[in-house]
Amino acid sequence: MLHKDNIPKICEVTGKKIFHTESEAKKRSNEINKENKKSGIKTKLRLYKCPDCNKYHLSSMNKHQQKHVEKFHKDLNYRNEFRERNFIKRESQYWNKKFGIDND
């Protein structure tokens, strides 16, 4: 039977496992990265400090991707512009394909 202190804590916002210290998160990311490398998995985990719970989590996103996600969630104008750009891109691809227009 697991003692209640041994049950992994989960961030209520992200749903990710909480590491209470940076060193704990770094140790676990190194273990997983080593296992992945042996298995031929190219994904590399990194740690980051969660702005919501103020603890550490692991992520396969690089810092640039993480900043994009954070900005996407916090900035309504950025989110709307991003969605608009993607909508225009999808519509252009659809109509170009429909009419046989080659963009190359």
N, C-alpha and C. Protein backbone atom coordinates (compact mmCIF):
# COMPACT_ATOMS: atom_id res chain seq x y z
N MET A 1 0.83 -1.18 0.00
CA MET A 1 0.00 0.00 0.00
C MET A 1 0.89 1.25 0.00
N LEU A 2 0.53 2.22 -0.84
CA LEU A 2 1.30 3.46 -0.93
C LEU A 2 0.96 4.39 0.22
N HIS A 3 1.99 4.96 0.78
CA HIS A 3 1.78 6.00 1.79
C HIS A 3 1.35 7.27 1.06
N LYS A 4 0.52 8.09 1.67
CA LYS A 4 -0.01 9.28 0.99
C LYS A 4 1.09 10.23 0.54
N ASP A 5 2.26 10.24 1.21
CA ASP A 5 3.36 11.10 0.79
C ASP A 5 4.06 10.58 -0.46
N ASN A 6 3.86 9.29 -0.79
CA ASN A 6 4.50 8.71 -1.96
C ASN A 6 3.64 8.82 -3.22
N ILE A 7 2.42 9.28 -3.10
CA ILE A 7 1.55 9.44 -4.25
C ILE A 7 1.99 10.69 -5.01
N PRO A 8 2.25 10.55 -6.33
CA PRO A 8 2.70 11.72 -7.09
C PRO A 8 1.66 12.83 -7.06
N LYS A 9 2.12 14.04 -6.83
CA LYS A 9 1.24 15.20 -6.84
C LYS A 9 1.08 15.66 -8.29
N ILE A 10 -0.12 16.10 -8.63
CA ILE A 10 -0.43 16.54 -9.98
C ILE A 10 -0.86 18.01 -9.95
N CYS A 11 -0.34 18.78 -10.89
CA CYS A 11 -0.72 20.19 -11.01
C CYS A 11 -2.18 20.27 -11.45
N GLU A 12 -2.96 21.05 -10.74
CA GLU A 12 -4.38 21.16 -11.05
C GLU A 12 -4.64 21.86 -12.39
N VAL A 13 -3.71 22.70 -12.83
CA VAL A 13 -3.90 23.44 -14.08
C VAL A 13 -3.40 22.64 -15.29
N THR A 14 -2.18 22.11 -15.20
CA THR A 14 -1.58 21.43 -16.36
C THR A 14 -1.86 19.93 -16.39
N GLY A 15 -2.15 19.35 -15.22
CA GLY A 15 -2.34 17.91 -15.14
C GLY A 15 -1.01 17.15 -15.15
N LYS A 16 0.08 17.86 -15.01
CA LYS A 16 1.41 17.23 -15.05
C LYS A 16 1.89 16.92 -13.63
N LYS A 17 2.81 15.93 -13.57
CA LYS A 17 3.41 15.56 -12.29
C LYS A 17 4.22 16.73 -11.75
N ILE A 18 4.11 16.96 -10.46
CA ILE A 18 4.82 18.04 -9.79
C ILE A 18 6.14 17.51 -9.23
N PHE A 19 7.22 18.24 -9.54
CA PHE A 19 8.51 18.03 -8.89
C PHE A 19 8.73 19.24 -8.00
N HIS A 20 8.98 19.01 -6.74
CA HIS A 20 9.07 20.10 -5.77
C HIS A 20 10.36 20.90 -5.86
N THR A 21 11.42 20.28 -6.39
CA THR A 21 12.68 21.00 -6.53
C THR A 21 13.20 20.86 -7.96
N GLU A 22 14.03 21.83 -8.34
CA GLU A 22 14.63 21.81 -9.68
C GLU A 22 15.53 20.57 -9.83
N SER A 23 16.27 20.25 -8.78
CA SER A 23 17.19 19.10 -8.86
C SER A 23 16.42 17.78 -9.03
N GLU A 24 15.29 17.66 -8.36
CA GLU A 24 14.45 16.47 -8.50
C GLU A 24 13.95 16.33 -9.95
N ALA A 25 13.50 17.43 -10.53
CA ALA A 25 13.01 17.42 -11.91
C ALA A 25 14.14 17.13 -12.89
N LYS A 26 15.30 17.75 -12.66
CA LYS A 26 16.46 17.54 -13.53
C LYS A 26 16.91 16.09 -13.49
N LYS A 27 16.95 15.50 -12.30
CA LYS A 27 17.35 14.10 -12.15
C LYS A 27 16.42 13.19 -12.94
N ARG A 28 15.11 13.43 -12.82
CA ARG A 28 14.14 12.58 -13.52
C ARG A 28 14.21 12.80 -15.04
N SER A 29 14.39 14.05 -15.48
CA SER A 29 14.48 14.29 -16.93
C SER A 29 15.73 13.61 -17.50
N ASN A 30 16.83 13.63 -16.76
CA ASN A 30 18.05 12.94 -17.21
C ASN A 30 17.83 11.43 -17.31
N GLU A 31 17.12 10.86 -16.33
CA GLU A 31 16.83 9.42 -16.36
C GLU A 31 15.99 9.06 -17.58
N ILE A 32 14.94 9.84 -17.81
CA ILE A 32 14.05 9.56 -18.95
C ILE A 32 14.79 9.77 -20.27
N ASN A 33 15.57 10.85 -20.37
CA ASN A 33 16.31 11.10 -21.61
C ASN A 33 17.31 9.99 -21.91
N LYS A 34 17.93 9.46 -20.86
CA LYS A 34 18.87 8.35 -21.03
C LYS A 34 18.13 7.10 -21.52
N GLU A 35 16.97 6.81 -20.93
CA GLU A 35 16.15 5.67 -21.35
C GLU A 35 15.69 5.84 -22.80
N ASN A 36 15.25 7.06 -23.14
CA ASN A 36 14.80 7.33 -24.50
C ASN A 36 15.92 7.15 -25.52
N LYS A 37 17.11 7.62 -25.18
CA LYS A 37 18.26 7.51 -26.08
C LYS A 37 18.58 6.04 -26.36
N LYS A 38 18.55 5.21 -25.30
CA LYS A 38 18.80 3.78 -25.47
C LYS A 38 17.74 3.12 -26.34
N SER A 39 16.51 3.62 -26.26
CA SER A 39 15.39 3.05 -27.03
C SER A 39 15.29 3.64 -28.43
N GLY A 40 16.13 4.62 -28.74
CA GLY A 40 16.08 5.24 -30.06
C GLY A 40 15.03 6.34 -30.18
N ILE A 41 14.50 6.77 -29.06
CA ILE A 41 13.50 7.84 -29.08
C ILE A 41 14.24 9.17 -29.06
N LYS A 42 13.95 10.04 -30.04
CA LYS A 42 14.69 11.30 -30.18
C LYS A 42 14.16 12.42 -29.29
N THR A 43 12.96 12.28 -28.77
CA THR A 43 12.37 13.32 -27.95
C THR A 43 13.19 13.52 -26.68
N LYS A 44 13.53 14.79 -26.42
CA LYS A 44 14.31 15.11 -25.22
C LYS A 44 13.45 15.96 -24.29
N LEU A 45 13.37 15.55 -23.04
CA LEU A 45 12.59 16.29 -22.05
C LEU A 45 13.45 17.36 -21.40
N ARG A 46 12.80 18.45 -21.05
CA ARG A 46 13.46 19.50 -20.28
C ARG A 46 12.52 19.89 -19.15
N LEU A 47 13.06 20.55 -18.16
CA LEU A 47 12.23 20.97 -17.04
C LEU A 47 11.89 22.44 -17.18
N TYR A 48 10.81 22.83 -16.57
CA TYR A 48 10.44 24.24 -16.51
C TYR A 48 9.66 24.50 -15.24
N LYS A 49 9.69 25.73 -14.78
CA LYS A 49 8.95 26.12 -13.58
C LYS A 49 7.56 26.58 -14.02
N CYS A 50 6.54 25.96 -13.46
CA CYS A 50 5.16 26.24 -13.81
C CYS A 50 4.72 27.58 -13.21
N PRO A 51 4.18 28.47 -14.04
CA PRO A 51 3.71 29.75 -13.51
C PRO A 51 2.44 29.61 -12.68
N ASP A 52 1.76 28.48 -12.79
CA ASP A 52 0.50 28.28 -12.07
C ASP A 52 0.70 27.71 -10.67
N CYS A 53 1.50 26.64 -10.57
CA CYS A 53 1.68 26.02 -9.25
C CYS A 53 3.03 26.36 -8.62
N ASN A 54 3.89 27.04 -9.38
CA ASN A 54 5.20 27.46 -8.91
C ASN A 54 6.12 26.29 -8.56
N LYS A 55 5.85 25.14 -9.15
CA LYS A 55 6.69 23.95 -8.99
C LYS A 55 7.27 23.60 -10.36
N TYR A 56 7.96 22.47 -10.48
CA TYR A 56 8.63 22.08 -11.73
C TYR A 56 7.88 20.95 -12.41
N HIS A 57 7.87 21.00 -13.75
CA HIS A 57 7.29 19.96 -14.59
C HIS A 57 8.30 19.60 -15.67
N LEU A 58 8.03 18.50 -16.38
CA LEU A 58 8.85 18.11 -17.52
C LEU A 58 8.04 18.36 -18.79
N SER A 59 8.75 18.73 -19.85
CA SER A 59 8.10 19.01 -21.12
C SER A 59 8.98 18.56 -22.27
N SER A 60 8.36 18.13 -23.36
CA SER A 60 9.13 17.80 -24.57
C SER A 60 9.24 19.02 -25.48
N MET A 61 8.56 20.11 -25.13
CA MET A 61 8.65 21.34 -25.93
C MET A 61 9.96 22.07 -25.64
N ASN A 62 10.51 22.71 -26.69
CA ASN A 62 11.67 23.55 -26.45
C ASN A 62 11.20 24.89 -25.89
N LYS A 63 12.13 25.74 -25.52
CA LYS A 63 11.76 27.01 -24.87
C LYS A 63 10.95 27.91 -25.79
N HIS A 64 11.28 27.92 -27.07
CA HIS A 64 10.53 28.75 -28.03
C HIS A 64 9.07 28.28 -28.12
N GLN A 65 8.88 26.97 -28.22
CA GLN A 65 7.52 26.43 -28.28
C GLN A 65 6.75 26.73 -27.00
N GLN A 66 7.42 26.61 -25.86
CA GLN A 66 6.77 26.85 -24.57
C GLN A 66 6.32 28.31 -24.46
N LYS A 67 7.17 29.25 -24.91
CA LYS A 67 6.81 30.67 -24.86
C LYS A 67 5.61 30.94 -25.75
N HIS A 68 5.54 30.28 -26.91
CA HIS A 68 4.40 30.43 -27.81
C HIS A 68 3.12 29.95 -27.13
N VAL A 69 3.18 28.80 -26.49
CA VAL A 69 2.00 28.25 -25.81
C VAL A 69 1.55 29.19 -24.68
N GLU A 70 2.51 29.68 -23.90
CA GLU A 70 2.16 30.59 -22.80
C GLU A 70 1.51 31.87 -23.33
N LYS A 71 2.09 32.41 -24.39
CA LYS A 71 1.53 33.63 -24.98
C LYS A 71 0.15 33.35 -25.58
N PHE A 72 0.00 32.19 -26.21
CA PHE A 72 -1.27 31.80 -26.81
C PHE A 72 -2.38 31.78 -25.75
N HIS A 73 -2.07 31.27 -24.58
CA HIS A 73 -3.08 31.14 -23.52
C HIS A 73 -3.37 32.46 -22.81
N LYS A 74 -2.38 33.35 -22.75
CA LYS A 74 -2.55 34.57 -21.97
C LYS A 74 -3.00 35.78 -22.79
N ASP A 75 -2.71 35.80 -24.09
CA ASP A 75 -2.95 37.00 -24.90
C ASP A 75 -4.05 36.73 -25.93
N LEU A 76 -5.22 37.28 -25.69
CA LEU A 76 -6.37 37.05 -26.57
C LEU A 76 -6.12 37.55 -27.98
N ASN A 77 -5.51 38.71 -28.15
CA ASN A 77 -5.23 39.23 -29.49
C ASN A 77 -4.27 38.32 -30.24
N TYR A 78 -3.22 37.86 -29.57
CA TYR A 78 -2.28 36.93 -30.19
C TYR A 78 -2.98 35.65 -30.62
N ARG A 79 -3.83 35.13 -29.74
CA ARG A 79 -4.57 33.90 -30.03
C ARG A 79 -5.46 34.09 -31.26
N ASN A 80 -6.17 35.21 -31.34
CA ASN A 80 -7.04 35.47 -32.48
C ASN A 80 -6.26 35.65 -33.77
N GLU A 81 -5.13 36.35 -33.70
CA GLU A 81 -4.29 36.52 -34.89
C GLU A 81 -3.74 35.16 -35.36
N PHE A 82 -3.33 34.33 -34.43
CA PHE A 82 -2.82 33.00 -34.75
C PHE A 82 -3.89 32.17 -35.44
N ARG A 83 -5.09 32.17 -34.90
CA ARG A 83 -6.19 31.41 -35.49
C ARG A 83 -6.55 31.94 -36.87
N GLU A 84 -6.55 33.26 -37.03
CA GLU A 84 -6.86 33.88 -38.32
C GLU A 84 -5.82 33.48 -39.38
N ARG A 85 -4.54 33.53 -39.02
CA ARG A 85 -3.49 33.14 -39.96
C ARG A 85 -3.65 31.69 -40.38
N ASN A 86 -3.93 30.81 -39.42
CA ASN A 86 -4.10 29.40 -39.75
C ASN A 86 -5.35 29.16 -40.59
N PHE A 87 -6.42 29.89 -40.32
CA PHE A 87 -7.63 29.77 -41.12
C PHE A 87 -7.36 30.17 -42.57
N ILE A 88 -6.69 31.30 -42.76
CA ILE A 88 -6.37 31.77 -44.11
C ILE A 88 -5.48 30.76 -44.84
N LYS A 89 -4.51 30.22 -44.13
CA LYS A 89 -3.61 29.22 -44.72
C LYS A 89 -4.39 27.98 -45.17
N ARG A 90 -5.27 27.47 -44.29
CA ARG A 90 -6.06 26.29 -44.64
C ARG A 90 -6.99 26.57 -45.82
N GLU A 91 -7.64 27.73 -45.81
CA GLU A 91 -8.55 28.09 -46.91
C GLU A 91 -7.79 28.21 -48.23
N SER A 92 -6.62 28.83 -48.18
CA SER A 92 -5.80 28.96 -49.39
C SER A 92 -5.41 27.60 -49.94
N GLN A 93 -4.98 26.71 -49.05
CA GLN A 93 -4.60 25.37 -49.47
C GLN A 93 -5.79 24.63 -50.08
N TYR A 94 -6.94 24.75 -49.48
CA TYR A 94 -8.15 24.08 -49.97
C TYR A 94 -8.49 24.56 -51.38
N TRP A 95 -8.57 25.88 -51.58
CA TRP A 95 -8.98 26.43 -52.87
C TRP A 95 -7.90 26.22 -53.93
N ASN A 96 -6.64 26.30 -53.55
CA ASN A 96 -5.57 26.02 -54.51
C ASN A 96 -5.64 24.58 -55.00
N LYS A 97 -5.90 23.66 -54.08
CA LYS A 97 -6.03 22.25 -54.45
C LYS A 97 -7.27 22.04 -55.32
N LYS A 98 -8.37 22.66 -54.95
CA LYS A 98 -9.62 22.50 -55.68
C LYS A 98 -9.50 22.98 -57.12
N PHE A 99 -8.78 24.09 -57.33
CA PHE A 99 -8.63 24.65 -58.68
C PHE A 99 -7.32 24.27 -59.36
N GLY A 100 -6.54 23.39 -58.71
CA GLY A 100 -5.32 22.90 -59.32
C GLY A 100 -4.22 23.94 -59.43
N ILE A 101 -4.20 24.87 -58.51
CA ILE A 101 -3.17 25.91 -58.50
C ILE A 101 -1.97 25.41 -57.74
N ASP A 102 -0.81 25.46 -58.38
CA ASP A 102 0.42 25.01 -57.75
C ASP A 102 1.18 26.21 -57.20
N ASN A 103 1.51 26.20 -55.92
CA ASN A 103 2.18 27.34 -55.29
C ASN A 103 3.68 27.33 -55.47
N ASP A 104 4.25 26.27 -56.03
CA ASP A 104 5.72 26.18 -56.14
C ASP A 104 6.27 27.02 -57.22
